Protein backbone atom coordinates (compact mmCIF):
# COMPACT_ATOMS: atom_id res chain seq x y z
CA MET A 1 -9.74 16.56 -67.90
CA MET A 2 -6.32 15.85 -66.61
CA HIS A 3 -5.22 14.70 -70.05
CA GLU A 4 -5.98 18.17 -71.53
CA ALA A 5 -4.49 19.97 -68.69
CA LEU A 6 -1.30 18.36 -68.84
CA GLY A 7 -1.06 18.76 -72.52
CA LEU A 8 -1.95 15.11 -73.55
CA PRO A 9 -5.14 15.67 -75.29
CA LEU A 10 -6.72 12.22 -76.23
CA ARG A 11 -6.77 11.20 -79.61
CA PRO A 12 -8.65 8.90 -81.68
CA LEU A 13 -6.93 5.52 -82.47
CA GLY A 14 -7.86 5.40 -86.20
CA ARG A 15 -11.55 3.78 -86.47
CA THR A 16 -10.88 1.09 -83.61
CA GLY A 17 -12.82 3.52 -81.26
CA LEU A 18 -10.13 3.74 -78.68
CA LEU A 19 -9.14 7.12 -77.56
CA VAL A 20 -5.42 7.34 -76.57
CA THR A 21 -2.66 10.03 -75.31
CA PRO A 22 0.06 10.87 -77.55
CA LEU A 23 2.17 9.07 -75.22
CA CYS A 24 2.19 5.40 -74.57
CA LEU A 25 4.40 3.55 -71.92
CA GLY A 26 6.40 0.94 -73.73
CA CYS A 27 6.84 -1.82 -71.32
CA ALA A 28 9.60 -4.05 -73.47
CA PRO A 29 12.16 -2.77 -70.76
CA LEU A 30 10.08 -3.26 -68.07
CA GLY A 31 10.31 -7.23 -68.75
CA HIS A 32 14.04 -7.38 -67.73
CA MET A 33 15.41 -7.34 -70.94
CA PRO A 34 19.18 -6.60 -70.63
CA GLU A 35 20.40 -7.99 -73.78
CA THR A 36 18.20 -5.79 -75.82
CA PHE A 37 18.23 -2.52 -73.71
CA GLY A 38 21.54 -2.73 -72.30
CA HIS A 39 20.28 -2.51 -68.48
CA GLY A 40 18.01 -4.82 -66.32
CA VAL A 41 14.83 -3.91 -64.45
CA SER A 42 13.93 -5.41 -61.23
CA GLU A 43 10.35 -6.43 -60.28
CA ALA A 44 9.88 -3.55 -57.57
CA GLN A 45 11.24 -0.91 -60.11
CA ALA A 46 8.84 -2.18 -62.79
CA LEU A 47 5.93 -2.04 -60.53
CA ALA A 48 7.03 1.69 -59.12
CA THR A 49 7.11 2.80 -62.93
CA LEU A 50 3.85 1.23 -63.22
CA ARG A 51 2.14 2.89 -60.65
CA ALA A 52 3.81 6.21 -61.66
CA VAL A 53 2.11 5.97 -65.10
CA PHE A 54 -1.47 5.08 -63.76
CA ALA A 55 -1.12 7.97 -61.64
CA SER A 56 -0.12 10.21 -64.70
CA PRO A 57 -2.09 11.51 -67.39
CA ILE A 58 -0.86 8.88 -69.85
CA ASN A 59 -3.71 6.28 -70.66
CA THR A 60 -2.05 3.88 -72.93
CA LEU A 61 0.46 1.03 -72.46
CA ASP A 62 2.04 -1.58 -74.96
CA THR A 63 3.53 -4.73 -74.16
CA ALA A 64 4.20 -8.24 -75.84
CA ALA A 65 3.84 -11.89 -74.69
CA ILE A 66 7.57 -12.16 -75.79
CA TYR A 67 8.87 -9.38 -73.90
CA GLY A 68 11.00 -10.79 -71.16
CA ASP A 69 9.45 -14.27 -71.68
CA GLY A 70 6.04 -13.25 -70.39
CA ALA A 71 8.08 -11.23 -67.37
CA SER A 72 6.70 -7.69 -68.78
CA GLU A 73 3.05 -9.10 -68.86
CA ARG A 74 3.16 -10.70 -65.37
CA ARG A 75 4.26 -7.56 -63.67
CA ILE A 76 1.62 -5.76 -65.48
CA GLY A 77 -0.84 -8.28 -64.44
CA ARG A 78 0.64 -7.46 -60.68
CA ALA A 79 0.05 -3.86 -60.91
CA LEU A 80 -3.34 -4.23 -62.30
CA ARG A 81 -4.48 -6.66 -59.43
CA GLU A 82 -3.21 -3.64 -56.92
CA ARG A 83 -5.79 -1.33 -58.61
CA GLY A 84 -8.29 -3.72 -59.13
CA GLY A 85 -8.08 -4.29 -62.97
CA LEU A 86 -7.63 -2.05 -65.88
CA PRO A 87 -8.41 1.59 -64.89
CA PRO A 88 -11.46 2.87 -66.82
CA GLY A 89 -10.50 4.64 -70.08
CA PHE A 90 -7.04 3.04 -69.99
CA VAL A 91 -5.72 1.18 -73.46
CA LEU A 92 -3.64 -1.57 -72.93
CA ALA A 93 -2.28 -3.27 -75.90
CA THR A 94 -0.16 -6.63 -76.32
CA LYS A 95 1.11 -8.67 -79.15
CA ALA A 96 0.61 -12.26 -80.48
CA ASP A 97 4.14 -13.92 -80.60
CA ARG A 98 5.94 -16.78 -82.25
CA ASP A 99 7.47 -19.43 -79.66
CA PRO A 100 10.72 -17.80 -78.58
CA ARG A 101 12.13 -21.26 -78.20
CA THR A 102 10.80 -23.43 -81.47
CA GLY A 103 10.01 -20.29 -83.44
CA ASP A 104 6.62 -21.71 -83.89
CA PHE A 105 4.40 -18.91 -85.87
CA SER A 106 1.31 -21.14 -86.64
CA GLY A 107 -2.23 -20.14 -86.01
CA ALA A 108 -2.54 -22.61 -83.10
CA GLN A 109 0.86 -20.60 -81.43
CA MET A 110 -1.07 -17.56 -81.89
CA ARG A 111 -4.09 -18.48 -79.80
CA ARG A 112 -1.60 -20.15 -76.99
CA SER A 113 0.16 -16.70 -77.03
CA VAL A 114 -2.96 -14.81 -76.59
CA GLU A 115 -4.65 -17.05 -73.99
CA GLY A 116 -1.04 -17.08 -72.14
CA SER A 117 -1.25 -12.99 -72.26
CA LEU A 118 -4.72 -12.93 -70.94
CA ARG A 119 -3.50 -15.31 -67.88
CA ARG A 120 -0.72 -13.31 -67.00
CA LEU A 121 -2.43 -9.86 -67.45
CA GLY A 122 -5.43 -11.38 -65.34
CA LEU A 123 -7.90 -9.85 -67.83
CA ASP A 124 -10.71 -11.71 -69.84
CA HIS A 125 -10.41 -9.08 -72.82
CA LEU A 126 -7.59 -7.54 -74.68
CA PRO A 127 -8.57 -4.06 -76.34
CA LEU A 128 -5.86 -4.34 -79.01
CA VAL A 129 -3.57 -7.30 -80.04
CA TYR A 130 -1.00 -6.95 -83.00
CA LEU A 131 0.28 -9.82 -84.93
CA HIS A 132 3.98 -9.32 -83.74
CA ASP A 133 7.38 -9.48 -86.02
CA PRO A 134 5.88 -11.40 -88.88
CA GLU A 135 9.16 -10.97 -90.39
CA HIS A 136 9.88 -14.29 -88.50
CA THR A 137 7.41 -16.24 -91.04
CA THR A 138 5.99 -15.39 -94.55
CA PHE A 139 3.19 -13.30 -95.53
CA GLU A 140 1.45 -16.65 -97.48
CA GLN A 141 1.71 -18.49 -94.04
CA VAL A 142 0.06 -15.33 -92.10
CA LEU A 143 -2.76 -15.42 -94.46
CA ALA A 144 -3.42 -19.02 -94.78
CA PRO A 145 -6.46 -20.98 -93.78
CA SER A 146 -6.20 -21.77 -90.07
CA GLY A 147 -3.14 -19.14 -89.81
CA PRO A 148 -2.18 -16.41 -87.70
CA LEU A 149 -4.48 -14.05 -88.99
CA GLU A 150 -7.44 -16.32 -89.10
CA VAL A 151 -6.88 -17.33 -85.72
CA LEU A 152 -6.69 -13.89 -84.29
CA GLN A 153 -9.99 -12.92 -86.07
CA GLN A 154 -11.53 -15.92 -84.61
CA LEU A 155 -10.37 -14.76 -81.01
CA GLN A 156 -11.93 -11.35 -81.75
CA ARG A 157 -15.26 -13.28 -82.44
CA GLU A 158 -14.91 -14.96 -79.53
CA GLY A 159 -14.56 -11.48 -77.62
CA LEU A 160 -11.28 -12.21 -76.30
CA ILE A 161 -9.62 -9.39 -78.43
CA GLY A 162 -11.15 -6.04 -79.48
CA GLN A 163 -8.82 -4.90 -82.40
CA ILE A 164 -6.24 -6.20 -84.53
CA GLY A 165 -3.01 -4.45 -85.55
CA ILE A 166 0.44 -5.11 -86.88
CA SER A 167 3.86 -4.49 -85.38
CA GLY A 168 7.00 -5.24 -86.87
CA GLY A 169 10.38 -3.96 -88.65
CA PRO A 170 10.69 -3.97 -92.37
CA ILE A 171 8.78 -1.07 -93.77
CA ALA A 172 8.10 -3.00 -97.19
CA MET A 173 6.82 -6.13 -95.13
CA LEU A 174 4.35 -3.85 -93.25
CA LEU A 175 3.29 -1.76 -96.13
CA ARG A 176 2.13 -5.03 -97.90
CA TYR A 177 -0.02 -6.16 -94.49
CA ILE A 178 -1.78 -2.95 -94.35
CA THR A 179 -3.04 -3.27 -97.66
CA THR A 180 -4.90 -6.39 -96.90
CA GLY A 181 -7.57 -4.27 -94.96
CA ALA A 182 -7.28 -7.08 -92.40
CA PHE A 183 -5.68 -4.48 -89.95
CA VAL A 184 -6.59 -1.55 -88.27
CA VAL A 185 -3.26 -0.23 -86.38
CA VAL A 186 0.31 -0.38 -87.44
CA MET A 187 3.24 -0.15 -85.31
CA THR A 188 6.83 0.59 -86.59
CA HIS A 189 9.67 1.09 -84.36
CA ASN A 190 13.20 2.97 -85.07
CA ARG A 191 12.19 3.95 -88.41
CA TYR A 192 10.63 7.67 -88.03
CA THR A 193 13.14 9.66 -85.84
CA LEU A 194 15.47 12.57 -85.98
CA LEU A 195 17.90 9.73 -87.35
CA ASN A 196 15.94 7.79 -89.58
CA ARG A 197 12.76 8.48 -91.77
CA THR A 198 12.38 5.09 -93.43
CA ALA A 199 9.02 4.67 -92.24
CA GLU A 200 8.01 8.02 -94.05
CA PRO A 201 5.92 5.52 -97.04
CA LEU A 202 4.21 3.58 -94.21
CA LEU A 203 3.07 6.90 -92.54
CA ASP A 204 1.63 7.98 -95.80
CA ALA A 205 -0.15 4.99 -96.89
CA ALA A 206 -1.79 4.45 -93.56
CA ALA A 207 -3.05 7.74 -93.52
CA GLY A 208 -4.60 7.23 -96.89
CA LEU A 209 -6.17 3.60 -95.73
CA GLY A 210 -7.45 5.23 -92.16
CA ILE A 211 -5.07 3.01 -90.68
CA ALA A 212 -3.82 4.20 -87.22
CA VAL A 213 0.12 4.48 -86.86
CA VAL A 214 1.97 4.00 -83.66
CA ASN A 215 5.35 4.95 -83.57
CA ALA A 216 7.67 3.38 -81.14
CA ALA A 217 11.49 3.95 -80.26
CA PRO A 218 11.64 8.07 -80.90
CA TYR A 219 14.73 7.82 -79.25
CA ASN A 220 16.26 5.18 -81.97
CA SER A 221 16.88 2.85 -78.65
CA GLY A 222 18.76 5.54 -77.12
CA ILE A 223 21.08 7.34 -79.14
CA LEU A 224 18.88 10.28 -79.41
CA ALA A 225 18.27 10.56 -75.56
CA ASP A 226 22.02 10.62 -74.56
CA PRO A 227 24.50 10.12 -77.79
CA ALA A 228 27.15 9.12 -75.16
CA GLY A 229 29.96 6.49 -76.39
CA SER A 230 27.79 3.74 -74.94
CA ALA A 231 24.72 4.59 -76.92
CA ARG A 232 22.57 1.99 -78.66
CA TYR A 233 20.93 2.52 -81.93
CA ALA A 234 17.94 0.32 -82.99
CA TYR A 235 18.95 -2.13 -79.93
CA ARG A 236 22.43 -2.63 -80.87
CA ALA A 237 25.87 -0.48 -80.33
CA ALA A 238 25.47 2.61 -82.17
CA PRO A 239 27.91 2.93 -85.25
CA PRO A 240 30.37 5.55 -85.04
CA ALA A 241 28.81 7.64 -87.89
CA LEU A 242 25.47 7.80 -86.06
CA LEU A 243 27.00 8.75 -83.13
CA THR A 244 28.61 11.98 -84.70
CA ARG A 245 25.37 12.78 -86.43
CA ALA A 246 23.61 12.25 -83.03
CA ARG A 247 26.02 14.62 -81.34
CA GLU A 248 25.39 17.24 -84.07
CA LEU A 249 21.96 17.02 -83.48
CA ALA A 250 22.43 17.57 -80.02
CA ALA A 251 24.76 20.60 -80.43
CA LEU A 252 22.14 22.03 -82.55
CA CYS A 253 19.32 21.75 -80.07
CA ALA A 254 21.76 23.05 -77.20
CA ALA A 255 22.07 26.32 -79.30
CA HIS A 256 18.39 26.53 -79.32
CA GLY A 257 18.07 25.94 -75.78
CA THR A 258 16.18 22.50 -76.08
CA PRO A 259 17.42 19.06 -74.71
CA LEU A 260 18.09 16.54 -77.77
CA ALA A 261 15.54 14.29 -75.89
CA ALA A 262 12.80 17.01 -76.07
CA ALA A 263 13.25 17.24 -79.92
CA ALA A 264 13.46 13.66 -80.36
CA LEU A 265 10.06 13.06 -78.65
CA GLN A 266 8.10 16.12 -80.05
CA PHE A 267 9.25 14.98 -83.71
CA SER A 268 6.99 12.00 -83.46
CA LEU A 269 4.36 13.74 -81.02
CA ARG A 270 3.94 16.67 -83.65
CA ASP A 271 3.10 14.51 -86.54
CA PRO A 272 -0.60 14.42 -87.12
CA ARG A 273 -0.19 11.14 -88.99
CA ILE A 274 0.88 9.50 -85.72
CA ALA A 275 -1.73 8.62 -83.18
CA THR A 276 0.59 7.71 -80.26
CA THR A 277 4.14 7.39 -79.51
CA VAL A 278 5.66 4.30 -77.53
CA VAL A 279 8.44 5.20 -75.18
CA GLY A 280 9.98 2.94 -72.92
CA LEU A 281 10.26 4.18 -69.34
CA THR A 282 11.88 2.22 -66.62
CA SER A 283 11.62 4.71 -63.35
CA PRO A 284 9.15 6.93 -61.87
CA GLU A 285 11.66 9.74 -62.49
CA GLN A 286 11.48 8.86 -66.30
CA VAL A 287 7.98 9.03 -66.57
CA ALA A 288 7.84 12.64 -64.79
CA GLN A 289 11.00 13.69 -67.04
CA THR A 290 9.36 12.37 -70.17
CA LEU A 291 6.00 14.56 -69.46
CA GLU A 292 8.40 17.69 -69.22
CA LEU A 293 10.11 16.97 -72.49
CA ALA A 294 6.89 16.48 -74.21
CA ARG A 295 5.75 19.97 -72.83
CA HIS A 296 9.38 21.54 -73.30
CA PRO A 297 8.94 24.74 -75.81
CA ILE A 298 10.64 24.31 -79.20
CA PRO A 299 11.28 26.97 -81.41
CA ALA A 300 10.43 27.00 -85.25
CA GLU A 301 13.66 27.71 -86.18
CA LEU A 302 14.63 24.69 -84.69
CA TRP A 303 12.21 22.79 -86.15
CA GLN A 304 13.86 24.08 -89.41
CA ALA A 305 17.20 23.39 -88.83
CA LEU A 306 16.54 19.82 -88.01
CA ALA A 307 14.81 18.92 -91.20
CA GLU A 308 17.80 19.93 -93.00
CA VAL A 309 20.12 17.39 -91.26
CA GLN A 310 20.90 14.33 -93.26
CA VAL A 311 19.45 11.10 -91.97
CA ASP A 312 20.21 7.47 -91.84
CA GLU A 313 18.24 6.09 -95.09
CA SER A 314 18.98 2.40 -94.38
CA ASP A 315 16.11 0.16 -93.23
CA PRO A 316 17.49 -0.87 -89.25
CA GLN A 317 18.08 -4.39 -89.03
CA THR A 318 16.07 -4.93 -85.69
CA GLY A 319 13.95 -7.32 -83.86
CA GLY A 320 10.78 -5.89 -82.27
């Protein structure tokens, strides 16, 4: 009942059988990745953040083997050991990754990645595993015999993983993968926000195929949370033109008594095609603030005004 009472009703994650809250904790920054996020996170701070999430109505978290070279998963594993394991009803997703040193994206590497995740997290089963950033290989190699997809399917048959998803950057690439029928969840990032709608065709296609959509980075990596001069867009320094546009959005929101961050977050939360929205949080205070932003009342006339603002029509060049 806590989920519903605090405005986070559980939603089906497509046809996976999993139930998720509209908000999902993104654990990439908890892996101490200052080169990506512009700031580091200590282990103590990461653990405090995870404890706050476990005590909140949020029931979903997302990580990856490659985040902080395994640091994100190790820290989550420590937090889970404190609690005696994954809390009942909690959905944990991780990602099968290439070798960050050699770039190896083989089927054998996918098995090593998943087995490493299980060790670091201290689990014997992963509810959801995404094939991560296949832009670093080719479609043909992913689907080849004994390749990444076949190995993930074998791990599924072995009971080590539950559901298989796909997570990456370029929208045209993700569209190609979801039409194979091999993936039940697709994650996009930085491409469906107040500033960028390039994922629109993916959301429509996934809805038609019955594939769950997970939308990450609703703040476009920071610019829509605080459009200051040091703001980041798609994990890089924000271009001046987008900084100007973000400030225009902030002024528009302020005129309607709404924080820009609330509108940016709820833009994703309110879309019926999106099962859950991944937000990177790095402190207990941010957990509380984000729950408040998710509940902030937004007038209909602001949504109408925001819909008329020009957006970035380019597919951001990002990693995942």
